[in-house]
Amino acid sequence: MEQLAAVGLDLVAIAILAFAVYFPRHRRRDLAVAFVGINVGVLAVSIVLGSTTVGAGLGLGLFGVLSIIRLRSSEIEQSEIAYFFAALALGLIAGLSGGVTWLGIVLMALIVIALALIDSPALFRRYREQRLTLDRAYTDEDALRAVVGETLGGRIHVLHVREVNLVSDTTVVDVRYAVDKNARRDAAAADSRTLTQIGAGR
């Protein structure tokens, strides 16, 4: 009976994590389903391991192998990897605890709340990262930084040059930057004017 209560607690926790925290922010149905599937699978295997003489180390090793295979099979964001491991952790806590304990409740709540807060759109919302392909081969990094900053309308923090092709006259860069508040207001005002003009034209 206590094990069933732990299963119910895990299902509630993964449902909140996948469908109340992750999906409204990232809108990827496939990963939301994957989080639930992995969690339930880990929960089931953890319960079996807890009731047999198989070592927990072997079980954790199997989970690690399965997670690596899954993560390598599709391109996902680093933040989504955190959700994968959170789903694994929730299943392990509920499956190996043998029942509902205050420690298990606190740890599961901590995982869900931590991801809800850290992955909040309001946190570091001005910071972005982009891969840009510019239609010119830049060999001067200062000039490149100035052009990229003007193009993105923000302050460049990190700029990595991935490729400079002198034949096709292109430059590929990875950029981490902070959007300028004034630039965001100007862009919003420009969009508003454009919508107004379109409405007037009709």
N, C-alpha and C. Protein backbone atom coordinates (compact mmCIF):
# COMPACT_ATOMS: atom_id res chain seq x y z
N MET A 1 0.83 -1.20 0.00
CA MET A 1 0.00 0.00 0.00
C MET A 1 0.88 1.26 0.00
N GLU A 2 1.95 1.24 0.80
CA GLU A 2 2.84 2.39 0.84
C GLU A 2 3.55 2.58 -0.50
N GLN A 3 3.87 1.46 -1.17
CA GLN A 3 4.51 1.55 -2.47
C GLN A 3 3.57 2.18 -3.50
N LEU A 4 2.29 1.84 -3.44
CA LEU A 4 1.30 2.44 -4.35
C LEU A 4 1.19 3.94 -4.11
N ALA A 5 1.26 4.34 -2.84
CA ALA A 5 1.22 5.77 -2.52
C ALA A 5 2.43 6.49 -3.11
N ALA A 6 3.61 5.84 -3.06
CA ALA A 6 4.81 6.42 -3.65
C ALA A 6 4.68 6.54 -5.16
N VAL A 7 4.07 5.52 -5.78
CA VAL A 7 3.83 5.57 -7.23
C VAL A 7 2.91 6.74 -7.57
N GLY A 8 1.85 6.90 -6.80
CA GLY A 8 0.92 8.01 -7.03
C GLY A 8 1.60 9.35 -6.88
N LEU A 9 2.44 9.49 -5.87
CA LEU A 9 3.18 10.73 -5.66
C LEU A 9 4.11 11.03 -6.84
N ASP A 10 4.78 9.98 -7.34
CA ASP A 10 5.66 10.16 -8.49
C ASP A 10 4.89 10.59 -9.73
N LEU A 11 3.74 9.98 -9.96
CA LEU A 11 2.94 10.34 -11.13
C LEU A 11 2.46 11.79 -11.06
N VAL A 12 2.11 12.22 -9.87
CA VAL A 12 1.70 13.63 -9.70
C VAL A 12 2.88 14.56 -9.98
N ALA A 13 4.05 14.20 -9.45
CA ALA A 13 5.24 15.04 -9.63
C ALA A 13 5.65 15.14 -11.10
N ILE A 14 5.68 14.00 -11.81
CA ILE A 14 6.10 14.03 -13.21
C ILE A 14 5.06 14.71 -14.08
N ALA A 15 3.78 14.59 -13.73
CA ALA A 15 2.74 15.28 -14.48
C ALA A 15 2.90 16.80 -14.35
N ILE A 16 3.19 17.26 -13.14
CA ILE A 16 3.42 18.70 -12.94
C ILE A 16 4.65 19.15 -13.71
N LEU A 17 5.73 18.36 -13.61
CA LEU A 17 6.97 18.74 -14.28
C LEU A 17 6.82 18.78 -15.79
N ALA A 18 6.20 17.75 -16.37
CA ALA A 18 6.12 17.63 -17.82
C ALA A 18 5.06 18.54 -18.44
N PHE A 19 3.87 18.60 -17.81
CA PHE A 19 2.74 19.26 -18.46
C PHE A 19 2.38 20.62 -17.87
N ALA A 20 2.86 20.91 -16.67
CA ALA A 20 2.58 22.23 -16.08
C ALA A 20 3.80 23.14 -16.12
N VAL A 21 5.01 22.55 -16.11
CA VAL A 21 6.23 23.36 -16.13
C VAL A 21 6.88 23.36 -17.52
N TYR A 22 7.17 22.17 -18.04
CA TYR A 22 7.93 22.08 -19.30
C TYR A 22 7.10 22.46 -20.53
N PHE A 23 5.97 21.80 -20.74
CA PHE A 23 5.24 21.96 -22.00
C PHE A 23 4.76 23.39 -22.26
N PRO A 24 4.21 24.11 -21.28
CA PRO A 24 3.78 25.48 -21.56
C PRO A 24 4.93 26.40 -21.98
N ARG A 25 6.15 26.06 -21.61
CA ARG A 25 7.30 26.92 -21.92
C ARG A 25 8.00 26.53 -23.22
N HIS A 26 8.06 25.23 -23.52
CA HIS A 26 8.83 24.77 -24.67
C HIS A 26 7.97 24.20 -25.80
N ARG A 27 6.75 23.80 -25.52
CA ARG A 27 5.79 23.33 -26.52
C ARG A 27 6.32 22.17 -27.36
N ARG A 28 6.99 21.22 -26.74
CA ARG A 28 7.44 20.02 -27.43
C ARG A 28 6.71 18.82 -26.84
N ARG A 29 5.71 18.36 -27.56
CA ARG A 29 4.90 17.24 -27.09
C ARG A 29 5.73 15.97 -26.99
N ASP A 30 6.65 15.77 -27.95
CA ASP A 30 7.42 14.53 -27.96
C ASP A 30 8.28 14.39 -26.71
N LEU A 31 8.90 15.50 -26.27
CA LEU A 31 9.73 15.41 -25.08
C LEU A 31 8.90 15.32 -23.80
N ALA A 32 7.75 15.97 -23.77
CA ALA A 32 6.88 15.85 -22.60
C ALA A 32 6.47 14.39 -22.41
N VAL A 33 6.12 13.73 -23.52
CA VAL A 33 5.77 12.30 -23.45
C VAL A 33 6.98 11.47 -23.05
N ALA A 34 8.16 11.82 -23.59
CA ALA A 34 9.39 11.09 -23.25
C ALA A 34 9.71 11.20 -21.77
N PHE A 35 9.53 12.39 -21.19
CA PHE A 35 9.80 12.57 -19.76
C PHE A 35 8.93 11.63 -18.92
N VAL A 36 7.64 11.57 -19.28
CA VAL A 36 6.72 10.71 -18.53
C VAL A 36 7.09 9.24 -18.73
N GLY A 37 7.38 8.86 -19.98
CA GLY A 37 7.74 7.47 -20.25
C GLY A 37 8.99 7.03 -19.52
N ILE A 38 10.02 7.87 -19.55
CA ILE A 38 11.27 7.54 -18.86
C ILE A 38 11.05 7.46 -17.35
N ASN A 39 10.28 8.40 -16.83
CA ASN A 39 10.02 8.40 -15.40
C ASN A 39 9.30 7.13 -14.96
N VAL A 40 8.25 6.75 -15.68
CA VAL A 40 7.49 5.56 -15.31
C VAL A 40 8.35 4.30 -15.46
N GLY A 41 9.16 4.26 -16.53
CA GLY A 41 10.04 3.11 -16.72
C GLY A 41 11.06 2.98 -15.61
N VAL A 42 11.68 4.09 -15.24
CA VAL A 42 12.66 4.08 -14.15
C VAL A 42 11.99 3.72 -12.83
N LEU A 43 10.78 4.23 -12.62
CA LEU A 43 10.04 3.90 -11.40
C LEU A 43 9.80 2.39 -11.30
N ALA A 44 9.35 1.78 -12.40
CA ALA A 44 9.06 0.35 -12.40
C ALA A 44 10.32 -0.47 -12.14
N VAL A 45 11.41 -0.12 -12.84
CA VAL A 45 12.65 -0.87 -12.66
C VAL A 45 13.20 -0.67 -11.25
N SER A 46 13.06 0.53 -10.70
CA SER A 46 13.55 0.80 -9.35
C SER A 46 12.81 -0.04 -8.32
N ILE A 47 11.50 -0.19 -8.50
CA ILE A 47 10.72 -1.01 -7.56
C ILE A 47 11.18 -2.46 -7.62
N VAL A 48 11.42 -2.95 -8.86
CA VAL A 48 11.89 -4.33 -9.01
C VAL A 48 13.26 -4.51 -8.37
N LEU A 49 14.16 -3.55 -8.62
CA LEU A 49 15.50 -3.63 -8.04
C LEU A 49 15.46 -3.59 -6.52
N GLY A 50 14.54 -2.78 -6.00
CA GLY A 50 14.44 -2.67 -4.56
C GLY A 50 13.91 -3.93 -3.89
N SER A 51 13.24 -4.78 -4.66
CA SER A 51 12.67 -6.00 -4.08
C SER A 51 13.47 -7.25 -4.39
N THR A 52 14.63 -7.10 -5.05
CA THR A 52 15.48 -8.24 -5.38
C THR A 52 16.87 -8.02 -4.83
N THR A 53 17.75 -8.97 -5.09
CA THR A 53 19.12 -8.88 -4.60
C THR A 53 20.05 -8.20 -5.59
N VAL A 54 19.51 -7.72 -6.70
CA VAL A 54 20.35 -7.03 -7.67
C VAL A 54 20.84 -5.73 -7.07
N GLY A 55 22.12 -5.44 -7.23
CA GLY A 55 22.69 -4.25 -6.64
C GLY A 55 22.15 -2.98 -7.25
N ALA A 56 22.02 -1.93 -6.43
CA ALA A 56 21.53 -0.65 -6.94
C ALA A 56 22.53 -0.04 -7.91
N GLY A 57 23.82 -0.35 -7.71
CA GLY A 57 24.83 0.18 -8.63
C GLY A 57 24.61 -0.30 -10.05
N LEU A 58 24.24 -1.57 -10.21
CA LEU A 58 23.95 -2.11 -11.54
C LEU A 58 22.76 -1.40 -12.16
N GLY A 59 21.75 -1.18 -11.35
CA GLY A 59 20.57 -0.48 -11.86
C GLY A 59 20.89 0.93 -12.31
N LEU A 60 21.65 1.67 -11.51
CA LEU A 60 22.03 3.03 -11.88
C LEU A 60 22.86 3.03 -13.16
N GLY A 61 23.74 2.02 -13.30
CA GLY A 61 24.53 1.93 -14.52
C GLY A 61 23.66 1.72 -15.74
N LEU A 62 22.63 0.86 -15.61
CA LEU A 62 21.71 0.64 -16.72
C LEU A 62 20.95 1.91 -17.06
N PHE A 63 20.51 2.66 -16.05
CA PHE A 63 19.81 3.91 -16.31
C PHE A 63 20.71 4.89 -17.05
N GLY A 64 21.99 4.93 -16.65
CA GLY A 64 22.93 5.83 -17.31
C GLY A 64 23.12 5.49 -18.77
N VAL A 65 23.24 4.19 -19.07
CA VAL A 65 23.40 3.76 -20.46
C VAL A 65 22.17 4.12 -21.28
N LEU A 66 20.99 3.84 -20.74
CA LEU A 66 19.76 4.13 -21.46
C LEU A 66 19.60 5.63 -21.70
N SER A 67 19.94 6.44 -20.70
CA SER A 67 19.79 7.88 -20.86
C SER A 67 20.76 8.42 -21.91
N ILE A 68 21.98 7.89 -21.96
CA ILE A 68 22.95 8.34 -22.96
C ILE A 68 22.47 7.99 -24.36
N ILE A 69 21.96 6.77 -24.53
CA ILE A 69 21.44 6.37 -25.84
C ILE A 69 20.31 7.29 -26.25
N ARG A 70 19.41 7.60 -25.34
CA ARG A 70 18.26 8.46 -25.68
C ARG A 70 18.70 9.87 -26.00
N LEU A 71 19.64 10.40 -25.24
CA LEU A 71 20.06 11.78 -25.45
C LEU A 71 20.85 11.94 -26.74
N ARG A 72 21.53 10.89 -27.18
CA ARG A 72 22.30 10.97 -28.40
C ARG A 72 21.44 10.77 -29.64
N SER A 73 20.20 10.31 -29.47
CA SER A 73 19.37 9.99 -30.61
C SER A 73 18.60 11.17 -31.16
N SER A 74 18.62 12.29 -30.48
CA SER A 74 17.88 13.46 -30.93
C SER A 74 18.57 14.71 -30.42
N GLU A 75 18.49 15.76 -31.21
CA GLU A 75 19.10 17.02 -30.81
C GLU A 75 18.17 17.76 -29.86
N ILE A 76 18.61 18.00 -28.64
CA ILE A 76 17.80 18.70 -27.66
C ILE A 76 18.64 19.78 -27.01
N GLU A 77 17.96 20.72 -26.37
CA GLU A 77 18.63 21.81 -25.70
C GLU A 77 19.20 21.33 -24.36
N GLN A 78 20.21 22.08 -23.88
CA GLN A 78 20.81 21.73 -22.60
C GLN A 78 19.80 21.78 -21.47
N SER A 79 18.88 22.75 -21.52
CA SER A 79 17.87 22.85 -20.47
C SER A 79 16.95 21.62 -20.47
N GLU A 80 16.73 21.04 -21.66
CA GLU A 80 15.86 19.87 -21.74
C GLU A 80 16.55 18.63 -21.19
N ILE A 81 17.88 18.60 -21.24
CA ILE A 81 18.61 17.50 -20.60
C ILE A 81 18.35 17.51 -19.09
N ALA A 82 18.24 18.71 -18.53
CA ALA A 82 17.94 18.81 -17.09
C ALA A 82 16.60 18.17 -16.77
N TYR A 83 15.62 18.35 -17.67
CA TYR A 83 14.32 17.72 -17.45
C TYR A 83 14.42 16.20 -17.54
N PHE A 84 15.25 15.69 -18.44
CA PHE A 84 15.45 14.25 -18.53
C PHE A 84 15.97 13.69 -17.21
N PHE A 85 17.00 14.32 -16.67
CA PHE A 85 17.58 13.82 -15.43
C PHE A 85 16.66 14.03 -14.25
N ALA A 86 15.84 15.08 -14.30
CA ALA A 86 14.84 15.28 -13.24
C ALA A 86 13.81 14.16 -13.27
N ALA A 87 13.38 13.77 -14.48
CA ALA A 87 12.43 12.66 -14.60
C ALA A 87 13.03 11.37 -14.08
N LEU A 88 14.33 11.14 -14.38
CA LEU A 88 15.02 9.96 -13.85
C LEU A 88 15.08 10.00 -12.33
N ALA A 89 15.43 11.17 -11.79
CA ALA A 89 15.58 11.29 -10.34
C ALA A 89 14.25 11.07 -9.61
N LEU A 90 13.17 11.61 -10.16
CA LEU A 90 11.86 11.42 -9.53
C LEU A 90 11.50 9.94 -9.48
N GLY A 91 11.75 9.23 -10.59
CA GLY A 91 11.44 7.81 -10.61
C GLY A 91 12.28 7.02 -9.63
N LEU A 92 13.56 7.37 -9.52
CA LEU A 92 14.45 6.67 -8.59
C LEU A 92 14.04 6.92 -7.14
N ILE A 93 13.73 8.16 -6.81
CA ILE A 93 13.35 8.48 -5.43
C ILE A 93 12.10 7.72 -5.03
N ALA A 94 11.08 7.75 -5.91
CA ALA A 94 9.83 7.07 -5.58
C ALA A 94 9.98 5.56 -5.57
N GLY A 95 10.78 5.03 -6.50
CA GLY A 95 10.90 3.58 -6.60
C GLY A 95 11.74 2.95 -5.52
N LEU A 96 12.80 3.63 -5.10
CA LEU A 96 13.72 3.06 -4.12
C LEU A 96 13.35 3.39 -2.67
N SER A 97 12.44 4.33 -2.47
CA SER A 97 12.09 4.73 -1.11
C SER A 97 11.23 3.68 -0.41
N GLY A 98 10.51 2.86 -1.18
CA GLY A 98 9.68 1.82 -0.57
C GLY A 98 8.36 2.33 -0.04
N GLY A 99 8.12 3.61 -0.10
CA GLY A 99 6.87 4.19 0.39
C GLY A 99 7.00 5.70 0.44
N VAL A 100 5.96 6.35 0.92
CA VAL A 100 5.96 7.81 1.01
C VAL A 100 6.63 8.22 2.32
N THR A 101 7.73 8.98 2.19
CA THR A 101 8.44 9.51 3.35
C THR A 101 8.55 11.02 3.20
N TRP A 102 8.76 11.69 4.33
CA TRP A 102 8.91 13.15 4.27
C TRP A 102 10.13 13.54 3.47
N LEU A 103 11.20 12.77 3.58
CA LEU A 103 12.40 13.07 2.82
C LEU A 103 12.13 12.94 1.32
N GLY A 104 11.42 11.89 0.92
CA GLY A 104 11.09 11.72 -0.49
C GLY A 104 10.21 12.84 -1.01
N ILE A 105 9.21 13.24 -0.21
CA ILE A 105 8.33 14.33 -0.63
C ILE A 105 9.11 15.62 -0.81
N VAL A 106 9.99 15.92 0.15
CA VAL A 106 10.78 17.15 0.08
C VAL A 106 11.70 17.14 -1.13
N LEU A 107 12.37 16.01 -1.38
CA LEU A 107 13.30 15.93 -2.50
C LEU A 107 12.58 16.05 -3.84
N MET A 108 11.45 15.39 -3.98
CA MET A 108 10.69 15.47 -5.23
C MET A 108 10.15 16.88 -5.46
N ALA A 109 9.66 17.48 -4.39
CA ALA A 109 9.18 18.86 -4.51
C ALA A 109 10.33 19.81 -4.85
N LEU A 110 11.50 19.55 -4.28
CA LEU A 110 12.67 20.38 -4.56
C LEU A 110 13.06 20.31 -6.03
N ILE A 111 13.02 19.12 -6.62
CA ILE A 111 13.36 18.96 -8.03
C ILE A 111 12.40 19.75 -8.91
N VAL A 112 11.10 19.58 -8.68
CA VAL A 112 10.09 20.26 -9.51
C VAL A 112 10.17 21.77 -9.34
N ILE A 113 10.28 22.24 -8.11
CA ILE A 113 10.31 23.68 -7.86
C ILE A 113 11.59 24.30 -8.42
N ALA A 114 12.71 23.60 -8.27
CA ALA A 114 13.98 24.13 -8.78
C ALA A 114 13.92 24.34 -10.29
N LEU A 115 13.41 23.36 -11.03
CA LEU A 115 13.31 23.52 -12.48
C LEU A 115 12.28 24.58 -12.86
N ALA A 116 11.19 24.65 -12.11
CA ALA A 116 10.17 25.67 -12.40
C ALA A 116 10.75 27.08 -12.25
N LEU A 117 11.62 27.27 -11.27
CA LEU A 117 12.21 28.58 -11.03
C LEU A 117 13.36 28.87 -11.99
N ILE A 118 14.27 27.90 -12.14
CA ILE A 118 15.46 28.14 -12.96
C ILE A 118 15.12 28.27 -14.43
N ASP A 119 14.12 27.54 -14.90
CA ASP A 119 13.74 27.59 -16.32
C ASP A 119 12.66 28.63 -16.58
N SER A 120 12.43 29.51 -15.63
CA SER A 120 11.40 30.54 -15.81
C SER A 120 11.80 31.52 -16.91
N PRO A 121 10.85 31.88 -17.80
CA PRO A 121 11.16 32.86 -18.85
C PRO A 121 11.57 34.22 -18.30
N ALA A 122 11.16 34.52 -17.06
CA ALA A 122 11.51 35.81 -16.47
C ALA A 122 12.96 35.87 -16.01
N LEU A 123 13.61 34.71 -15.88
CA LEU A 123 14.99 34.67 -15.40
C LEU A 123 15.95 34.78 -16.59
N PHE A 124 16.81 35.81 -16.56
CA PHE A 124 17.78 36.05 -17.63
C PHE A 124 17.11 36.17 -19.00
N ARG A 125 15.93 36.81 -19.04
CA ARG A 125 15.18 36.86 -20.30
C ARG A 125 15.84 37.72 -21.36
N ARG A 126 16.76 38.59 -20.97
CA ARG A 126 17.45 39.43 -21.95
C ARG A 126 18.60 38.70 -22.63
N TYR A 127 18.98 37.56 -22.12
CA TYR A 127 20.16 36.87 -22.63
C TYR A 127 19.78 35.85 -23.70
N ARG A 128 20.53 35.87 -24.77
CA ARG A 128 20.26 35.01 -25.93
C ARG A 128 21.56 34.38 -26.42
N GLU A 129 21.39 33.38 -27.27
CA GLU A 129 22.53 32.84 -28.01
C GLU A 129 22.06 32.48 -29.42
N GLN A 130 22.92 32.75 -30.38
CA GLN A 130 22.57 32.56 -31.79
C GLN A 130 23.77 32.04 -32.56
N ARG A 131 23.49 31.35 -33.65
CA ARG A 131 24.53 31.03 -34.64
C ARG A 131 24.17 31.82 -35.89
N LEU A 132 25.06 32.69 -36.31
CA LEU A 132 24.82 33.57 -37.44
C LEU A 132 25.74 33.22 -38.60
N THR A 133 25.22 33.34 -39.81
CA THR A 133 26.03 33.25 -41.02
C THR A 133 25.97 34.60 -41.71
N LEU A 134 27.09 35.30 -41.73
CA LEU A 134 27.16 36.65 -42.30
C LEU A 134 27.65 36.57 -43.75
N ASP A 135 27.10 37.46 -44.58
CA ASP A 135 27.43 37.43 -46.01
C ASP A 135 28.70 38.24 -46.31
N ARG A 136 29.69 38.06 -45.46
CA ARG A 136 30.99 38.68 -45.68
C ARG A 136 32.02 37.93 -44.83
N ALA A 137 33.21 37.80 -45.37
CA ALA A 137 34.30 37.14 -44.63
C ALA A 137 35.04 38.17 -43.78
N TYR A 138 34.86 38.09 -42.46
CA TYR A 138 35.48 39.04 -41.54
C TYR A 138 36.73 38.41 -40.94
N THR A 139 37.86 39.10 -41.11
CA THR A 139 39.10 38.67 -40.48
C THR A 139 39.48 39.58 -39.31
N ASP A 140 38.81 40.70 -39.19
CA ASP A 140 39.01 41.64 -38.09
C ASP A 140 37.93 41.39 -37.05
N GLU A 141 38.33 40.88 -35.88
CA GLU A 141 37.34 40.51 -34.87
C GLU A 141 36.60 41.71 -34.31
N ASP A 142 37.27 42.86 -34.18
CA ASP A 142 36.60 44.05 -33.66
C ASP A 142 35.49 44.49 -34.62
N ALA A 143 35.80 44.49 -35.91
CA ALA A 143 34.78 44.85 -36.90
C ALA A 143 33.64 43.84 -36.89
N LEU A 144 33.98 42.57 -36.75
CA LEU A 144 32.96 41.52 -36.69
C LEU A 144 32.06 41.71 -35.48
N ARG A 145 32.67 41.99 -34.33
CA ARG A 145 31.88 42.19 -33.11
C ARG A 145 30.93 43.38 -33.25
N ALA A 146 31.41 44.45 -33.87
CA ALA A 146 30.57 45.63 -34.07
C ALA A 146 29.39 45.32 -34.99
N VAL A 147 29.65 44.60 -36.06
CA VAL A 147 28.58 44.27 -37.01
C VAL A 147 27.54 43.34 -36.37
N VAL A 148 28.01 42.35 -35.64
CA VAL A 148 27.10 41.41 -35.00
C VAL A 148 26.27 42.11 -33.93
N GLY A 149 26.91 42.99 -33.16
CA GLY A 149 26.18 43.74 -32.14
C GLY A 149 25.10 44.62 -32.74
N GLU A 150 25.41 45.26 -33.86
CA GLU A 150 24.43 46.12 -34.52
C GLU A 150 23.30 45.29 -35.12
N THR A 151 23.65 44.13 -35.67
CA THR A 151 22.65 43.26 -36.28
C THR A 151 21.67 42.72 -35.25
N LEU A 152 22.18 42.29 -34.11
CA LEU A 152 21.34 41.68 -33.08
C LEU A 152 20.72 42.70 -32.15
N GLY A 153 21.25 43.92 -32.16
CA GLY A 153 20.70 44.94 -31.27
C GLY A 153 20.93 44.65 -29.81
N GLY A 154 22.15 44.22 -29.47
CA GLY A 154 22.44 43.89 -28.08
C GLY A 154 23.92 43.98 -27.78
N ARG A 155 24.25 43.71 -26.54
CA ARG A 155 25.64 43.74 -26.09
C ARG A 155 26.23 42.34 -26.20
N ILE A 156 27.31 42.21 -26.96
CA ILE A 156 27.94 40.92 -27.17
C ILE A 156 28.80 40.55 -25.96
N HIS A 157 28.54 39.37 -25.39
CA HIS A 157 29.34 38.88 -24.28
C HIS A 157 30.39 37.86 -24.73
N VAL A 158 29.97 36.93 -25.57
CA VAL A 158 30.89 35.91 -26.07
C VAL A 158 30.66 35.75 -27.57
N LEU A 159 31.75 35.75 -28.33
CA LEU A 159 31.66 35.59 -29.77
C LEU A 159 32.72 34.59 -30.23
N HIS A 160 32.27 33.46 -30.77
CA HIS A 160 33.17 32.43 -31.28
C HIS A 160 33.05 32.37 -32.80
N VAL A 161 34.16 32.53 -33.48
CA VAL A 161 34.16 32.41 -34.93
C VAL A 161 34.30 30.93 -35.28
N ARG A 162 33.30 30.39 -35.93
CA ARG A 162 33.31 28.97 -36.31
C ARG A 162 33.92 28.74 -37.69
N GLU A 163 33.70 29.68 -38.58
CA GLU A 163 34.22 29.49 -39.94
C GLU A 163 34.33 30.84 -40.65
N VAL A 164 35.44 31.05 -41.32
CA VAL A 164 35.62 32.20 -42.21
C VAL A 164 35.95 31.63 -43.59
N ASN A 165 35.02 31.78 -44.51
CA ASN A 165 35.17 31.22 -45.86
C ASN A 165 35.45 32.36 -46.83
N LEU A 166 36.71 32.46 -47.25
CA LEU A 166 37.11 33.53 -48.16
C LEU A 166 36.63 33.27 -49.59
N VAL A 167 36.31 32.03 -49.90
CA VAL A 167 35.84 31.70 -51.25
C VAL A 167 34.39 32.14 -51.43
N SER A 168 33.54 31.73 -50.49
CA SER A 168 32.12 32.12 -50.59
C SER A 168 31.82 33.45 -49.90
N ASP A 169 32.85 34.05 -49.29
CA ASP A 169 32.73 35.34 -48.61
C ASP A 169 31.65 35.31 -47.52
N THR A 170 31.81 34.36 -46.59
CA THR A 170 30.88 34.23 -45.47
C THR A 170 31.64 34.01 -44.17
N THR A 171 30.98 34.33 -43.06
CA THR A 171 31.52 34.10 -41.72
C THR A 171 30.43 33.48 -40.87
N VAL A 172 30.77 32.41 -40.16
CA VAL A 172 29.82 31.74 -39.27
C VAL A 172 30.30 31.95 -37.83
N VAL A 173 29.42 32.48 -36.99
CA VAL A 173 29.78 32.78 -35.61
C VAL A 173 28.71 32.28 -34.65
N ASP A 174 29.14 31.89 -33.46
CA ASP A 174 28.24 31.62 -32.34
C ASP A 174 28.33 32.80 -31.38
N VAL A 175 27.18 33.33 -31.02
CA VAL A 175 27.14 34.56 -30.23
C VAL A 175 26.28 34.37 -28.98
N ARG A 176 26.79 34.86 -27.87
CA ARG A 176 25.99 34.98 -26.64
C ARG A 176 25.93 36.46 -26.32
N TYR A 177 24.72 36.96 -26.15
CA TYR A 177 24.56 38.41 -26.02
C TYR A 177 23.36 38.74 -25.15
N ALA A 178 23.28 40.00 -24.73
CA ALA A 178 22.14 40.51 -23.96
C ALA A 178 21.42 41.54 -24.81
N VAL A 179 20.13 41.36 -24.96
CA VAL A 179 19.33 42.28 -25.76
C VAL A 179 19.26 43.62 -25.06
N ASP A 180 19.53 44.68 -25.81
CA ASP A 180 19.46 46.03 -25.26
C ASP A 180 18.00 46.42 -25.04
N LYS A 181 17.71 46.98 -23.86
CA LYS A 181 16.33 47.35 -23.53
C LYS A 181 15.78 48.38 -24.51
N ASN A 182 16.60 49.36 -24.88
CA ASN A 182 16.15 50.38 -25.81
C ASN A 182 15.85 49.77 -27.18
N ALA A 183 16.69 48.82 -27.58
CA ALA A 183 16.48 48.17 -28.88
C ALA A 183 15.18 47.38 -28.87
N ARG A 184 14.87 46.75 -27.74
CA ARG A 184 13.61 45.99 -27.64
C ARG A 184 12.41 46.92 -27.72
N ARG A 185 12.52 48.10 -27.06
CA ARG A 185 11.41 49.04 -27.12
C ARG A 185 11.24 49.59 -28.53
N ASP A 186 12.37 49.88 -29.21
CA ASP A 186 12.30 50.39 -30.57
C ASP A 186 11.69 49.36 -31.52
N ALA A 187 12.08 48.09 -31.32
CA ALA A 187 11.54 47.03 -32.18
C ALA A 187 10.04 46.87 -31.95
N ALA A 188 9.62 46.94 -30.67
CA ALA A 188 8.19 46.83 -30.37
C ALA A 188 7.42 48.00 -30.96
N ALA A 189 8.00 49.21 -30.88
CA ALA A 189 7.34 50.38 -31.46
C ALA A 189 7.24 50.26 -32.98
N ALA A 190 8.31 49.74 -33.61
CA ALA A 190 8.30 49.56 -35.06
C ALA A 190 7.25 48.54 -35.48
N ASP A 191 7.14 47.46 -34.71
CA ASP A 191 6.12 46.46 -35.02
C ASP A 191 4.72 47.03 -34.87
N SER A 192 4.53 47.85 -33.84
CA SER A 192 3.23 48.47 -33.63
C SER A 192 2.87 49.40 -34.79
N ARG A 193 3.86 50.19 -35.26
CA ARG A 193 3.61 51.09 -36.38
C ARG A 193 3.28 50.30 -37.65
N THR A 194 3.99 49.19 -37.84
CA THR A 194 3.74 48.37 -39.02
C THR A 194 2.33 47.80 -39.01
N LEU A 195 1.89 47.30 -37.85
CA LEU A 195 0.54 46.76 -37.74
C LEU A 195 -0.50 47.84 -37.96
N THR A 196 -0.22 49.05 -37.46
CA THR A 196 -1.14 50.16 -37.65
C THR A 196 -1.27 50.51 -39.12
N GLN A 197 -0.13 50.55 -39.82
CA GLN A 197 -0.16 50.87 -41.25
C GLN A 197 -0.90 49.81 -42.04
N ILE A 198 -0.70 48.55 -41.67
CA ILE A 198 -1.40 47.45 -42.37
C ILE A 198 -2.91 47.58 -42.16
N GLY A 199 -3.29 47.89 -40.90
CA GLY A 199 -4.72 48.04 -40.60
C GLY A 199 -5.33 49.23 -41.34
N ALA A 200 -4.55 50.32 -41.45
CA ALA A 200 -5.04 51.50 -42.17
C ALA A 200 -5.16 51.21 -43.67
N GLY A 201 -4.21 50.41 -44.19
CA GLY A 201 -4.24 50.10 -45.62
C GLY A 201 -5.46 49.28 -46.00
N ARG A 202 -5.95 48.49 -45.06
CA ARG A 202 -7.14 47.70 -45.35
C ARG A 202 -8.40 48.58 -45.35
